[in-house]
Amino acid sequence: MRPSEIFHPHPAPTYHALPHPLATIRAGISGFPSPAEDYVGRTLDLNERLVKRPSATFFMTVTGDSMEGFGIQDGDTLVVDRSVDARPGHIVVALVDGEIIVKRYELLGRRPYLCSGNDRYAPIPISDLDCQLWGVVRSVIHEYPV
């Protein structure tokens, strides 16, 4: 990832919501829902849902396969929050030796590491490198081809 791939939230109208039915979806077979449920609903504003702190939020596009084991794929968009303090287990965006990367922050043997979700990539020891954490990934936007 390059700094030119950083996008900030668009200053959208205060409220721009889309229809969001009250019905939930199950991934398994659960019977036939009532067709009337489609008409009882609420709305969903993606800015409100995904961007908790607009002044501290930015978006980045992922390139590469190192995070596939964590459900982050090439071409996905990350919603990154700079106001969250990184803790072990968080997915973070970091500047490491001049390169912007996305990894999971872990403590291995009490030492901090940036770990991939792909066994082909070794954990990166933070203490041995010039590393700046840029933010914690709050959400991943993955689009399916249609």
N, C-alpha and C. Protein backbone atom coordinates (compact mmCIF):
# COMPACT_ATOMS: atom_id res chain seq x y z
N MET A 1 0.84 -1.18 0.00
CA MET A 1 0.00 0.00 0.00
C MET A 1 0.88 1.24 0.00
N ARG A 2 0.40 2.25 -0.67
CA ARG A 2 1.14 3.51 -0.75
C ARG A 2 0.31 4.63 -0.12
N PRO A 3 0.98 5.69 0.36
CA PRO A 3 0.23 6.81 0.93
C PRO A 3 -0.82 7.37 -0.03
N SER A 4 -0.59 7.25 -1.35
CA SER A 4 -1.56 7.75 -2.32
C SER A 4 -2.85 6.94 -2.30
N GLU A 5 -2.85 5.80 -1.61
CA GLU A 5 -4.03 4.94 -1.55
C GLU A 5 -4.86 5.20 -0.29
N ILE A 6 -4.58 6.29 0.41
CA ILE A 6 -5.34 6.65 1.60
C ILE A 6 -6.50 7.54 1.18
N PHE A 7 -7.70 7.17 1.59
CA PHE A 7 -8.89 7.94 1.28
C PHE A 7 -9.56 8.33 2.59
N HIS A 8 -10.09 9.53 2.65
CA HIS A 8 -10.79 10.00 3.85
C HIS A 8 -12.29 9.93 3.59
N PRO A 9 -13.10 9.80 4.65
CA PRO A 9 -14.54 9.73 4.46
C PRO A 9 -15.06 10.95 3.72
N HIS A 10 -15.96 10.71 2.78
CA HIS A 10 -16.58 11.79 2.04
C HIS A 10 -17.51 12.55 2.98
N PRO A 11 -17.44 13.87 2.95
CA PRO A 11 -18.35 14.62 3.83
C PRO A 11 -19.79 14.48 3.32
N ALA A 12 -20.43 13.41 3.72
CA ALA A 12 -21.79 13.09 3.28
C ALA A 12 -22.81 13.94 4.03
N PRO A 13 -24.03 13.97 3.52
CA PRO A 13 -25.08 14.66 4.27
C PRO A 13 -25.20 14.06 5.66
N THR A 14 -25.74 14.84 6.58
CA THR A 14 -25.84 14.35 7.95
C THR A 14 -26.56 13.02 8.03
N TYR A 15 -27.53 12.82 7.18
CA TYR A 15 -28.27 11.57 7.25
C TYR A 15 -28.58 11.11 5.83
N HIS A 16 -27.96 10.05 5.40
CA HIS A 16 -28.20 9.47 4.08
C HIS A 16 -28.34 7.97 4.28
N ALA A 17 -29.54 7.55 4.53
CA ALA A 17 -29.76 6.15 4.89
C ALA A 17 -30.46 5.41 3.76
N LEU A 18 -30.23 4.11 3.72
CA LEU A 18 -30.86 3.23 2.76
C LEU A 18 -31.80 2.29 3.51
N PRO A 19 -32.81 1.74 2.82
CA PRO A 19 -33.72 0.81 3.50
C PRO A 19 -32.96 -0.37 4.09
N HIS A 20 -33.35 -0.76 5.29
CA HIS A 20 -32.71 -1.89 5.98
C HIS A 20 -33.81 -2.64 6.72
N PRO A 21 -34.32 -3.74 6.14
CA PRO A 21 -35.42 -4.46 6.78
C PRO A 21 -35.05 -4.95 8.16
N LEU A 22 -36.07 -5.11 9.00
CA LEU A 22 -35.85 -5.64 10.35
C LEU A 22 -35.50 -7.12 10.33
N ALA A 23 -35.89 -7.82 9.27
CA ALA A 23 -35.64 -9.26 9.21
C ALA A 23 -34.15 -9.54 9.18
N THR A 24 -33.76 -10.59 9.87
CA THR A 24 -32.36 -11.02 9.82
C THR A 24 -32.25 -12.19 8.86
N ILE A 25 -31.05 -12.47 8.43
CA ILE A 25 -30.79 -13.56 7.48
C ILE A 25 -29.98 -14.62 8.17
N ARG A 26 -30.36 -15.87 7.98
CA ARG A 26 -29.59 -16.99 8.51
C ARG A 26 -28.81 -17.60 7.36
N ALA A 27 -27.65 -18.12 7.67
CA ALA A 27 -26.84 -18.76 6.64
C ALA A 27 -27.31 -20.19 6.37
N GLY A 28 -28.12 -20.74 7.23
CA GLY A 28 -28.63 -22.10 7.06
C GLY A 28 -30.10 -22.08 6.71
N ILE A 29 -30.67 -23.24 6.50
CA ILE A 29 -32.09 -23.37 6.19
C ILE A 29 -32.88 -23.17 7.48
N SER A 30 -33.82 -22.23 7.45
CA SER A 30 -34.54 -21.93 8.68
C SER A 30 -36.04 -21.79 8.49
N GLY A 31 -36.55 -22.25 7.38
CA GLY A 31 -37.97 -22.12 7.15
C GLY A 31 -38.28 -20.92 6.27
N PHE A 32 -39.55 -20.66 6.08
CA PHE A 32 -39.99 -19.60 5.18
C PHE A 32 -40.40 -18.37 5.97
N PRO A 33 -39.71 -17.23 5.77
CA PRO A 33 -40.09 -16.01 6.51
C PRO A 33 -41.36 -15.40 5.94
N SER A 34 -42.01 -14.59 6.72
CA SER A 34 -43.21 -13.90 6.27
C SER A 34 -42.84 -12.83 5.25
N PRO A 35 -43.53 -12.81 4.08
CA PRO A 35 -43.25 -11.78 3.08
C PRO A 35 -43.52 -10.37 3.61
N ALA A 36 -44.38 -10.25 4.60
CA ALA A 36 -44.69 -8.93 5.16
C ALA A 36 -43.49 -8.31 5.87
N GLU A 37 -42.55 -9.14 6.29
CA GLU A 37 -41.38 -8.62 7.00
C GLU A 37 -40.56 -7.66 6.15
N ASP A 38 -40.60 -7.83 4.81
CA ASP A 38 -39.84 -6.96 3.92
C ASP A 38 -40.30 -5.51 4.00
N TYR A 39 -41.55 -5.31 4.41
CA TYR A 39 -42.11 -3.96 4.40
C TYR A 39 -42.04 -3.27 5.75
N VAL A 40 -41.69 -4.01 6.78
CA VAL A 40 -41.52 -3.42 8.10
C VAL A 40 -40.04 -3.19 8.25
N GLY A 41 -39.62 -1.96 8.37
CA GLY A 41 -38.18 -1.80 8.38
C GLY A 41 -37.68 -0.54 9.00
N ARG A 42 -36.42 -0.39 8.80
CA ARG A 42 -35.68 0.76 9.31
C ARG A 42 -34.70 1.13 8.21
N THR A 43 -33.84 2.06 8.48
CA THR A 43 -32.84 2.45 7.48
C THR A 43 -31.45 2.21 8.03
N LEU A 44 -30.50 2.17 7.13
CA LEU A 44 -29.11 1.94 7.50
C LEU A 44 -28.24 3.00 6.83
N ASP A 45 -27.52 3.76 7.61
CA ASP A 45 -26.57 4.75 7.12
C ASP A 45 -25.18 4.14 7.28
N LEU A 46 -24.51 3.85 6.16
CA LEU A 46 -23.20 3.19 6.24
C LEU A 46 -22.15 4.08 6.90
N ASN A 47 -22.25 5.39 6.75
CA ASN A 47 -21.30 6.26 7.46
C ASN A 47 -21.46 6.10 8.96
N GLU A 48 -22.72 6.09 9.41
CA GLU A 48 -22.97 5.94 10.85
C GLU A 48 -22.53 4.56 11.34
N ARG A 49 -22.73 3.54 10.52
CA ARG A 49 -22.42 2.17 10.92
C ARG A 49 -20.91 1.89 10.94
N LEU A 50 -20.19 2.39 9.94
CA LEU A 50 -18.78 2.03 9.78
C LEU A 50 -17.79 3.07 10.29
N VAL A 51 -18.17 4.34 10.29
CA VAL A 51 -17.24 5.41 10.67
C VAL A 51 -17.65 5.93 12.04
N LYS A 52 -16.92 5.51 13.07
CA LYS A 52 -17.25 5.91 14.44
C LYS A 52 -16.72 7.30 14.78
N ARG A 53 -15.55 7.63 14.28
CA ARG A 53 -14.92 8.93 14.54
C ARG A 53 -14.42 9.50 13.21
N PRO A 54 -15.26 10.27 12.51
CA PRO A 54 -14.90 10.75 11.17
C PRO A 54 -13.56 11.47 11.09
N SER A 55 -13.23 12.28 12.08
CA SER A 55 -11.97 13.04 12.02
C SER A 55 -10.74 12.15 12.17
N ALA A 56 -10.92 10.93 12.67
CA ALA A 56 -9.79 10.02 12.88
C ALA A 56 -9.85 8.81 11.95
N THR A 57 -10.75 8.84 10.97
CA THR A 57 -10.96 7.68 10.11
C THR A 57 -10.43 7.92 8.70
N PHE A 58 -9.84 6.88 8.12
CA PHE A 58 -9.46 6.89 6.72
C PHE A 58 -9.68 5.51 6.14
N PHE A 59 -9.68 5.44 4.81
CA PHE A 59 -9.89 4.18 4.10
C PHE A 59 -8.63 3.83 3.33
N MET A 60 -8.37 2.54 3.20
CA MET A 60 -7.24 2.08 2.39
C MET A 60 -7.67 0.86 1.59
N THR A 61 -7.07 0.69 0.42
CA THR A 61 -7.34 -0.47 -0.41
C THR A 61 -6.21 -1.46 -0.23
N VAL A 62 -6.56 -2.73 -0.01
CA VAL A 62 -5.57 -3.78 0.24
C VAL A 62 -5.03 -4.31 -1.08
N THR A 63 -3.72 -4.54 -1.12
CA THR A 63 -3.11 -5.27 -2.22
C THR A 63 -2.34 -6.44 -1.64
N GLY A 64 -2.42 -7.58 -2.28
CA GLY A 64 -1.67 -8.75 -1.82
C GLY A 64 -2.54 -9.77 -1.10
N ASP A 65 -1.89 -10.88 -0.72
CA ASP A 65 -2.61 -12.02 -0.15
C ASP A 65 -2.21 -12.36 1.29
N SER A 66 -1.44 -11.50 1.93
CA SER A 66 -0.90 -11.86 3.25
C SER A 66 -1.94 -11.89 4.37
N MET A 67 -3.14 -11.35 4.13
CA MET A 67 -4.15 -11.30 5.19
C MET A 67 -5.37 -12.16 4.90
N GLU A 68 -5.29 -13.00 3.89
CA GLU A 68 -6.45 -13.82 3.50
C GLU A 68 -6.96 -14.70 4.63
N GLY A 69 -6.08 -15.21 5.47
CA GLY A 69 -6.50 -16.05 6.59
C GLY A 69 -7.34 -15.31 7.62
N PHE A 70 -7.32 -14.00 7.58
CA PHE A 70 -8.13 -13.18 8.48
C PHE A 70 -9.34 -12.59 7.75
N GLY A 71 -9.60 -13.08 6.54
CA GLY A 71 -10.76 -12.62 5.78
C GLY A 71 -10.55 -11.32 5.03
N ILE A 72 -9.30 -10.88 4.90
CA ILE A 72 -8.99 -9.64 4.18
C ILE A 72 -8.32 -10.03 2.87
N GLN A 73 -8.95 -9.64 1.76
CA GLN A 73 -8.49 -10.07 0.45
C GLN A 73 -7.99 -8.91 -0.40
N ASP A 74 -7.24 -9.25 -1.43
CA ASP A 74 -6.75 -8.28 -2.39
C ASP A 74 -7.94 -7.49 -2.95
N GLY A 75 -7.85 -6.17 -2.92
CA GLY A 75 -8.91 -5.31 -3.43
C GLY A 75 -9.91 -4.85 -2.38
N ASP A 76 -9.89 -5.43 -1.18
CA ASP A 76 -10.81 -5.02 -0.12
C ASP A 76 -10.48 -3.60 0.34
N THR A 77 -11.48 -2.93 0.87
CA THR A 77 -11.31 -1.59 1.44
C THR A 77 -11.35 -1.70 2.95
N LEU A 78 -10.35 -1.11 3.60
CA LEU A 78 -10.29 -1.11 5.06
C LEU A 78 -10.80 0.22 5.59
N VAL A 79 -11.56 0.17 6.68
CA VAL A 79 -11.98 1.36 7.41
C VAL A 79 -11.07 1.41 8.63
N VAL A 80 -10.17 2.40 8.67
CA VAL A 80 -9.12 2.47 9.69
C VAL A 80 -9.38 3.65 10.62
N ASP A 81 -9.28 3.39 11.92
CA ASP A 81 -9.53 4.41 12.95
C ASP A 81 -8.23 4.70 13.70
N ARG A 82 -7.74 5.93 13.58
CA ARG A 82 -6.49 6.33 14.24
C ARG A 82 -6.68 6.59 15.73
N SER A 83 -7.91 6.71 16.20
CA SER A 83 -8.14 7.06 17.60
C SER A 83 -8.16 5.84 18.53
N VAL A 84 -8.10 4.65 17.98
CA VAL A 84 -8.15 3.42 18.79
C VAL A 84 -6.72 2.99 19.12
N ASP A 85 -6.46 2.70 20.39
CA ASP A 85 -5.16 2.17 20.79
C ASP A 85 -5.10 0.68 20.43
N ALA A 86 -4.05 0.30 19.72
CA ALA A 86 -3.90 -1.09 19.28
C ALA A 86 -3.64 -2.01 20.47
N ARG A 87 -4.33 -3.14 20.46
CA ARG A 87 -4.13 -4.19 21.46
C ARG A 87 -3.87 -5.49 20.73
N PRO A 88 -3.23 -6.46 21.39
CA PRO A 88 -3.00 -7.75 20.74
C PRO A 88 -4.31 -8.32 20.18
N GLY A 89 -4.23 -8.79 18.96
CA GLY A 89 -5.39 -9.33 18.27
C GLY A 89 -6.03 -8.36 17.30
N HIS A 90 -5.73 -7.06 17.44
CA HIS A 90 -6.27 -6.07 16.52
C HIS A 90 -5.56 -6.16 15.17
N ILE A 91 -6.31 -5.90 14.11
CA ILE A 91 -5.73 -5.74 12.78
C ILE A 91 -5.34 -4.27 12.69
N VAL A 92 -4.10 -4.01 12.30
CA VAL A 92 -3.59 -2.63 12.27
C VAL A 92 -3.00 -2.28 10.91
N VAL A 93 -2.97 -1.00 10.64
CA VAL A 93 -2.22 -0.47 9.50
C VAL A 93 -1.00 0.20 10.10
N ALA A 94 0.18 -0.14 9.56
CA ALA A 94 1.43 0.38 10.11
C ALA A 94 2.37 0.80 8.99
N LEU A 95 3.23 1.73 9.32
CA LEU A 95 4.33 2.12 8.43
C LEU A 95 5.57 1.43 8.97
N VAL A 96 6.10 0.48 8.20
CA VAL A 96 7.25 -0.31 8.64
C VAL A 96 8.38 -0.11 7.62
N ASP A 97 9.47 0.48 8.09
CA ASP A 97 10.61 0.76 7.21
C ASP A 97 10.18 1.41 5.89
N GLY A 98 9.27 2.38 5.98
CA GLY A 98 8.85 3.13 4.81
C GLY A 98 7.74 2.50 3.99
N GLU A 99 7.26 1.33 4.37
CA GLU A 99 6.19 0.65 3.63
C GLU A 99 4.93 0.56 4.49
N ILE A 100 3.78 0.88 3.89
CA ILE A 100 2.51 0.77 4.61
C ILE A 100 2.01 -0.66 4.47
N ILE A 101 1.72 -1.28 5.63
CA ILE A 101 1.25 -2.67 5.62
C ILE A 101 0.04 -2.82 6.53
N VAL A 102 -0.71 -3.90 6.31
CA VAL A 102 -1.80 -4.27 7.21
C VAL A 102 -1.46 -5.64 7.77
N LYS A 103 -1.51 -5.77 9.10
CA LYS A 103 -1.15 -7.02 9.79
C LYS A 103 -1.95 -7.11 11.08
N ARG A 104 -1.89 -8.27 11.71
CA ARG A 104 -2.49 -8.41 13.05
C ARG A 104 -1.40 -8.21 14.08
N TYR A 105 -1.69 -7.35 15.05
CA TYR A 105 -0.76 -7.05 16.13
C TYR A 105 -0.86 -8.17 17.17
N GLU A 106 0.28 -8.79 17.49
CA GLU A 106 0.32 -9.91 18.44
C GLU A 106 1.50 -9.77 19.38
N LEU A 107 1.40 -10.39 20.53
CA LEU A 107 2.53 -10.54 21.44
C LEU A 107 2.94 -12.00 21.39
N LEU A 108 4.16 -12.26 20.97
CA LEU A 108 4.70 -13.62 20.92
C LEU A 108 5.88 -13.67 21.87
N GLY A 109 5.74 -14.43 22.94
CA GLY A 109 6.81 -14.45 23.94
C GLY A 109 7.04 -13.08 24.55
N ARG A 110 5.98 -12.33 24.75
CA ARG A 110 6.00 -10.98 25.33
C ARG A 110 6.65 -9.93 24.44
N ARG A 111 6.95 -10.27 23.21
CA ARG A 111 7.51 -9.30 22.25
C ARG A 111 6.44 -8.97 21.21
N PRO A 112 6.33 -7.70 20.81
CA PRO A 112 5.31 -7.32 19.82
C PRO A 112 5.70 -7.71 18.39
N TYR A 113 4.74 -8.25 17.68
CA TYR A 113 4.94 -8.67 16.29
C TYR A 113 3.75 -8.22 15.45
N LEU A 114 4.00 -8.06 14.16
CA LEU A 114 2.95 -7.87 13.18
C LEU A 114 2.87 -9.18 12.40
N CYS A 115 1.70 -9.82 12.43
CA CYS A 115 1.55 -11.16 11.87
C CYS A 115 0.59 -11.17 10.68
N SER A 116 0.94 -11.98 9.70
CA SER A 116 0.11 -12.17 8.52
C SER A 116 -0.93 -13.24 8.77
N GLY A 117 -1.92 -13.27 7.90
CA GLY A 117 -2.92 -14.32 7.93
C GLY A 117 -2.63 -15.34 6.85
N ASN A 118 -1.36 -15.49 6.50
CA ASN A 118 -0.93 -16.42 5.46
C ASN A 118 0.41 -16.99 5.91
N ASP A 119 0.49 -18.30 6.00
CA ASP A 119 1.70 -18.96 6.51
C ASP A 119 2.95 -18.71 5.66
N ARG A 120 2.77 -18.20 4.46
CA ARG A 120 3.94 -17.92 3.61
C ARG A 120 4.71 -16.69 4.06
N TYR A 121 4.15 -15.94 5.01
CA TYR A 121 4.80 -14.71 5.48
C TYR A 121 5.12 -14.84 6.96
N ALA A 122 6.37 -14.60 7.30
CA ALA A 122 6.82 -14.72 8.70
C ALA A 122 6.35 -13.52 9.52
N PRO A 123 6.14 -13.72 10.83
CA PRO A 123 5.83 -12.58 11.70
C PRO A 123 6.96 -11.54 11.67
N ILE A 124 6.58 -10.28 11.78
CA ILE A 124 7.55 -9.19 11.73
C ILE A 124 7.74 -8.65 13.15
N PRO A 125 8.96 -8.78 13.72
CA PRO A 125 9.20 -8.23 15.06
C PRO A 125 9.24 -6.71 15.01
N ILE A 126 8.37 -6.07 15.74
CA ILE A 126 8.28 -4.61 15.71
C ILE A 126 9.51 -3.94 16.30
N SER A 127 10.04 -4.51 17.36
CA SER A 127 11.15 -3.86 18.07
C SER A 127 12.42 -3.75 17.23
N ASP A 128 12.55 -4.57 16.19
CA ASP A 128 13.76 -4.54 15.37
C ASP A 128 13.67 -3.55 14.21
N LEU A 129 12.53 -2.91 14.03
CA LEU A 129 12.31 -2.08 12.84
C LEU A 129 11.82 -0.69 13.21
N ASP A 130 11.89 0.20 12.22
CA ASP A 130 11.28 1.51 12.35
C ASP A 130 9.80 1.32 12.04
N CYS A 131 8.95 1.37 13.05
CA CYS A 131 7.53 1.05 12.89
C CYS A 131 6.65 2.10 13.55
N GLN A 132 5.65 2.56 12.82
CA GLN A 132 4.64 3.48 13.36
C GLN A 132 3.27 2.90 13.09
N LEU A 133 2.49 2.70 14.13
CA LEU A 133 1.12 2.22 13.94
C LEU A 133 0.26 3.40 13.50
N TRP A 134 -0.43 3.25 12.39
CA TRP A 134 -1.26 4.32 11.85
C TRP A 134 -2.70 4.24 12.31
N GLY A 135 -3.15 3.05 12.67
CA GLY A 135 -4.53 2.93 13.11
C GLY A 135 -4.98 1.49 13.18
N VAL A 136 -6.16 1.30 13.74
CA VAL A 136 -6.76 -0.03 13.90
C VAL A 136 -7.87 -0.18 12.87
N VAL A 137 -7.92 -1.33 12.22
CA VAL A 137 -8.96 -1.60 11.23
C VAL A 137 -10.26 -1.90 11.96
N ARG A 138 -11.29 -1.09 11.69
CA ARG A 138 -12.61 -1.28 12.30
C ARG A 138 -13.49 -2.19 11.44
N SER A 139 -13.35 -2.06 10.12
CA SER A 139 -14.21 -2.82 9.20
C SER A 139 -13.45 -3.12 7.92
N VAL A 140 -13.93 -4.16 7.25
CA VAL A 140 -13.42 -4.54 5.93
C VAL A 140 -14.60 -4.55 4.98
N ILE A 141 -14.46 -3.86 3.86
CA ILE A 141 -15.51 -3.85 2.85
C ILE A 141 -15.04 -4.74 1.70
N HIS A 142 -15.80 -5.79 1.46
CA HIS A 142 -15.46 -6.75 0.40
C HIS A 142 -16.61 -6.77 -0.59
N GLU A 143 -16.31 -6.51 -1.85
CA GLU A 143 -17.34 -6.50 -2.89
C GLU A 143 -17.23 -7.78 -3.71
N TYR A 144 -18.37 -8.38 -3.98
CA TYR A 144 -18.42 -9.57 -4.83
C TYR A 144 -18.62 -9.14 -6.27
N PRO A 145 -17.98 -9.84 -7.21
CA PRO A 145 -18.20 -9.49 -8.62
C PRO A 145 -19.63 -9.84 -9.04
N VAL A 146 -20.25 -8.94 -9.77
CA VAL A 146 -21.61 -9.19 -10.26
C VAL A 146 -21.69 -8.93 -11.74
